[in-house]
Amino acid sequence: MAAIADKDKKCRSIERMIAEGRGVTESCRVFGLSEKTFYRWRSERSTAQVTAGRK
């Protein structure tokens, strides 16, 4: 499977937009992503952070 360019950056940007008060759907549309993709990426990031913290 091909890696997504700037996946972390896009995920952080969407999270920032949500924190500023924009909706999840609206924020994801700016980057051309579905909500499902955003939530999956966010889940992968949090899992990777927990795993890295255990080492």
C-alpha atoms as a PDB file:
ATOM      1  CA  MET A   1       0.000   0.000   0.000  1.00  0.00           C
ATOM      2  CA  ALA A   2       1.340   3.445  -0.907  1.00  0.00           C
ATOM      3  CA  ALA A   3       2.121   5.887   1.878  1.00  0.00           C
ATOM      4  CA  ILE A   4       0.056   9.067   2.074  1.00  0.00           C
ATOM      5  CA  ALA A   5       2.136  12.212   1.761  1.00  0.00           C
ATOM      6  CA  ASP A   6       1.864  14.496   4.804  1.00  0.00           C
ATOM      7  CA  LYS A   7      -0.720  12.282   6.523  1.00  0.00           C
ATOM      8  CA  ASP A   8       0.265  13.481  10.003  1.00  0.00           C
ATOM      9  CA  LYS A   9       0.328  17.094   8.893  1.00  0.00           C
ATOM     10  CA  LYS A  10      -3.149  16.867   7.379  1.00  0.00           C
ATOM     11  CA  CYS A  11      -4.509  15.126  10.463  1.00  0.00           C
ATOM     12  CA  ARG A  12      -3.065  17.784  12.789  1.00  0.00           C
ATOM     13  CA  SER A  13      -4.434  20.563  10.568  1.00  0.00           C
ATOM     14  CA  ILE A  14      -7.917  19.062  10.659  1.00  0.00           C
ATOM     15  CA  GLU A  15      -7.727  18.677  14.437  1.00  0.00           C
ATOM     16  CA  ARG A  16      -6.674  22.330  14.718  1.00  0.00           C
ATOM     17  CA  MET A  17      -9.612  23.441  12.558  1.00  0.00           C
ATOM     18  CA  ILE A  18     -12.009  21.424  14.710  1.00  0.00           C
ATOM     19  CA  ALA A  19     -10.556  23.010  17.861  1.00  0.00           C
ATOM     20  CA  GLU A  20     -11.180  26.437  16.315  1.00  0.00           C
ATOM     21  CA  GLY A  21     -14.865  25.602  16.023  1.00  0.00           C
ATOM     22  CA  ARG A  22     -15.272  24.231  12.512  1.00  0.00           C
ATOM     23  CA  GLY A  23     -17.169  21.003  12.035  1.00  0.00           C
ATOM     24  CA  VAL A  24     -15.479  17.688  11.337  1.00  0.00           C
ATOM     25  CA  THR A  25     -17.151  17.297   7.946  1.00  0.00           C
ATOM     26  CA  GLU A  26     -16.282  20.828   6.864  1.00  0.00           C
ATOM     27  CA  SER A  27     -12.668  20.473   8.007  1.00  0.00           C
ATOM     28  CA  CYS A  28     -12.215  17.158   6.211  1.00  0.00           C
ATOM     29  CA  ARG A  29     -13.655  18.551   2.976  1.00  0.00           C
ATOM     30  CA  VAL A  30     -10.981  21.262   2.907  1.00  0.00           C
ATOM     31  CA  PHE A  31      -8.392  18.488   2.494  1.00  0.00           C
ATOM     32  CA  GLY A  32     -10.565  16.266   0.311  1.00  0.00           C
ATOM     33  CA  LEU A  33     -10.895  13.519   2.934  1.00  0.00           C
ATOM     34  CA  SER A  34     -13.878  11.642   4.264  1.00  0.00           C
ATOM     35  CA  GLU A  35     -14.664  11.689   7.968  1.00  0.00           C
ATOM     36  CA  LYS A  36     -14.021   7.961   8.095  1.00  0.00           C
ATOM     37  CA  THR A  37     -10.486   8.429   6.735  1.00  0.00           C
ATOM     38  CA  PHE A  38      -9.783  11.217   9.241  1.00  0.00           C
ATOM     39  CA  TYR A  39     -10.960   9.120  12.194  1.00  0.00           C
ATOM     40  CA  ARG A  40      -8.908   6.135  10.990  1.00  0.00           C
ATOM     41  CA  TRP A  41      -5.780   8.295  10.641  1.00  0.00           C
ATOM     42  CA  ARG A  42      -6.366   9.818  14.074  1.00  0.00           C
ATOM     43  CA  SER A  43      -6.728   6.355  15.577  1.00  0.00           C
ATOM     44  CA  GLU A  44      -3.504   5.197  13.900  1.00  0.00           C
ATOM     45  CA  ARG A  45      -1.657   8.260  15.217  1.00  0.00           C
ATOM     46  CA  SER A  46      -2.821   7.744  18.802  1.00  0.00           C
ATOM     47  CA  THR A  47      -1.906   4.047  18.662  1.00  0.00           C
ATOM     48  CA  ALA A  48       1.551   4.878  17.286  1.00  0.00           C
ATOM     49  CA  GLN A  49       2.110   7.469  20.037  1.00  0.00           C
ATOM     50  CA  VAL A  50       1.172   5.002  22.773  1.00  0.00           C
ATOM     51  CA  THR A  51       3.409   2.322  21.268  1.00  0.00           C
ATOM     52  CA  ALA A  52       6.319   4.776  20.992  1.00  0.00           C
ATOM     53  CA  GLY A  53       5.819   5.817  24.608  1.00  0.00           C
ATOM     54  CA  ARG A  54       6.189   2.230  25.827  1.00  0.00           C
ATOM     55  CA  LYS A  55       9.636   1.753  24.314  1.00  0.00           C
END
